[in-house]
């Protein structure tokens, strides 16, 4: 990896909503509510899934900068 190069990534905005009797759902802001992922039982669970989505996005974008060791 190039440690001396600064890399900055703008990540997508997410919306989170609670649906009574179902649980927590999340999706990108421009997605239809029917495209949201879920249900998740708690706020920590839904935020963890958003964090995993961010991680995958950063790894995908950063792949060209990663060198084989």
C-alpha atoms as a PDB file:
ATOM      1  CA  UNK A   1       0.000   0.000   0.000  1.00  0.00           C
ATOM      2  CA  UNK A   2       1.226   3.525  -0.659  1.00  0.00           C
ATOM      3  CA  UNK A   3       1.377   4.931   2.851  1.00  0.00           C
ATOM      4  CA  UNK A   4       2.621   8.319   1.688  1.00  0.00           C
ATOM      5  CA  UNK A   5      -0.405   9.074  -0.507  1.00  0.00           C
ATOM      6  CA  UNK A   6      -3.512  10.679   0.939  1.00  0.00           C
ATOM      7  CA  UNK A   7      -6.747   9.062  -0.208  1.00  0.00           C
ATOM      8  CA  UNK A   8     -10.172  10.437   0.664  1.00  0.00           C
ATOM      9  CA  UNK A   9     -13.497   8.821  -0.198  1.00  0.00           C
ATOM     10  CA  UNK A  10     -16.945  10.430  -0.116  1.00  0.00           C
ATOM     11  CA  UNK A  11     -19.350   7.733   0.995  1.00  0.00           C
ATOM     12  CA  UNK A  12     -23.041   7.468   0.154  1.00  0.00           C
ATOM     13  CA  UNK A  13     -25.761   8.812   2.392  1.00  0.00           C
ATOM     14  CA  UNK A  14     -28.037   6.303   4.056  1.00  0.00           C
ATOM     15  CA  UNK A  15     -31.528   6.544   5.446  1.00  0.00           C
ATOM     16  CA  UNK A  16     -32.714   4.446   8.373  1.00  0.00           C
ATOM     17  CA  UNK A  17     -36.349   3.931   9.213  1.00  0.00           C
ATOM     18  CA  UNK A  18     -38.304   2.001  11.809  1.00  0.00           C
ATOM     19  CA  UNK A  19     -41.359   0.102  10.596  1.00  0.00           C
ATOM     20  CA  UNK A  20     -43.752  -0.743  13.415  1.00  0.00           C
ATOM     21  CA  UNK A  21     -44.016  -4.450  14.029  1.00  0.00           C
ATOM     22  CA  UNK A  22     -41.158  -5.233  11.631  1.00  0.00           C
ATOM     23  CA  UNK A  23     -37.972  -3.515  12.810  1.00  0.00           C
ATOM     24  CA  UNK A  24     -35.229  -1.292  11.407  1.00  0.00           C
ATOM     25  CA  UNK A  25     -34.478  -0.943   7.681  1.00  0.00           C
ATOM     26  CA  UNK A  26     -31.778   0.985   5.827  1.00  0.00           C
ATOM     27  CA  UNK A  27     -30.999   2.022   2.299  1.00  0.00           C
ATOM     28  CA  UNK A  28     -29.393   4.698   0.211  1.00  0.00           C
ATOM     29  CA  UNK A  29     -31.309   7.966   0.280  1.00  0.00           C
ATOM     30  CA  UNK A  30     -32.344   7.789  -3.363  1.00  0.00           C
ATOM     31  CA  UNK A  31     -33.625   4.188  -3.097  1.00  0.00           C
ATOM     32  CA  UNK A  32     -37.317   3.455  -2.828  1.00  0.00           C
ATOM     33  CA  UNK A  33     -38.394   2.313   0.632  1.00  0.00           C
ATOM     34  CA  UNK A  34     -39.216  -1.094  -0.843  1.00  0.00           C
ATOM     35  CA  UNK A  35     -35.516  -1.484  -1.799  1.00  0.00           C
ATOM     36  CA  UNK A  36     -34.317  -0.959   1.778  1.00  0.00           C
ATOM     37  CA  UNK A  37     -32.499  -3.814   3.526  1.00  0.00           C
ATOM     38  CA  UNK A  38     -33.830  -5.273   6.732  1.00  0.00           C
ATOM     39  CA  UNK A  39     -35.460  -5.895   9.077  1.00  0.00           C
ATOM     40  CA  UNK A  40     -32.918  -5.529  11.872  1.00  0.00           C
ATOM     41  CA  UNK A  41     -33.856  -5.925  15.514  1.00  0.00           C
ATOM     42  CA  UNK A  42     -31.950  -2.987  16.975  1.00  0.00           C
ATOM     43  CA  UNK A  43     -30.223   0.278  16.132  1.00  0.00           C
ATOM     44  CA  UNK A  44     -26.769  -1.251  16.790  1.00  0.00           C
ATOM     45  CA  UNK A  45     -27.553  -4.035  14.303  1.00  0.00           C
ATOM     46  CA  UNK A  46     -28.635  -1.687  11.519  1.00  0.00           C
ATOM     47  CA  UNK A  47     -25.669   0.662  12.061  1.00  0.00           C
ATOM     48  CA  UNK A  48     -23.280  -2.304  11.980  1.00  0.00           C
ATOM     49  CA  UNK A  49     -24.685  -3.307   8.582  1.00  0.00           C
ATOM     50  CA  UNK A  50     -24.208   0.252   7.294  1.00  0.00           C
ATOM     51  CA  UNK A  51     -20.608   0.159   8.559  1.00  0.00           C
ATOM     52  CA  UNK A  52     -20.036  -3.139   6.714  1.00  0.00           C
ATOM     53  CA  UNK A  53     -21.427  -1.571   3.541  1.00  0.00           C
ATOM     54  CA  UNK A  54     -19.020   1.379   3.957  1.00  0.00           C
ATOM     55  CA  UNK A  55     -16.105  -1.007   4.489  1.00  0.00           C
ATOM     56  CA  UNK A  56     -16.881  -2.910   1.276  1.00  0.00           C
ATOM     57  CA  UNK A  57     -17.161   0.360  -0.651  1.00  0.00           C
ATOM     58  CA  UNK A  58     -13.826   1.666   0.662  1.00  0.00           C
ATOM     59  CA  UNK A  59     -12.079  -1.649  -0.072  1.00  0.00           C
ATOM     60  CA  UNK A  60     -13.495  -1.638  -3.617  1.00  0.00           C
ATOM     61  CA  UNK A  61     -12.341   1.928  -4.291  1.00  0.00           C
ATOM     62  CA  UNK A  62      -8.953   1.455  -2.642  1.00  0.00           C
ATOM     63  CA  UNK A  63      -8.123  -1.778  -4.482  1.00  0.00           C
ATOM     64  CA  UNK A  64      -6.119  -0.063  -7.281  1.00  0.00           C
ATOM     65  CA  UNK A  65      -3.773   1.382  -4.623  1.00  0.00           C
ATOM     66  CA  UNK A  66      -3.147  -1.903  -2.827  1.00  0.00           C
ATOM     67  CA  UNK A  67       0.085  -3.640  -3.785  1.00  0.00           C
ATOM     68  CA  UNK A  68       0.723  -7.341  -3.455  1.00  0.00           C
ATOM     69  CA  UNK A  69       3.159  -8.115  -0.676  1.00  0.00           C
END
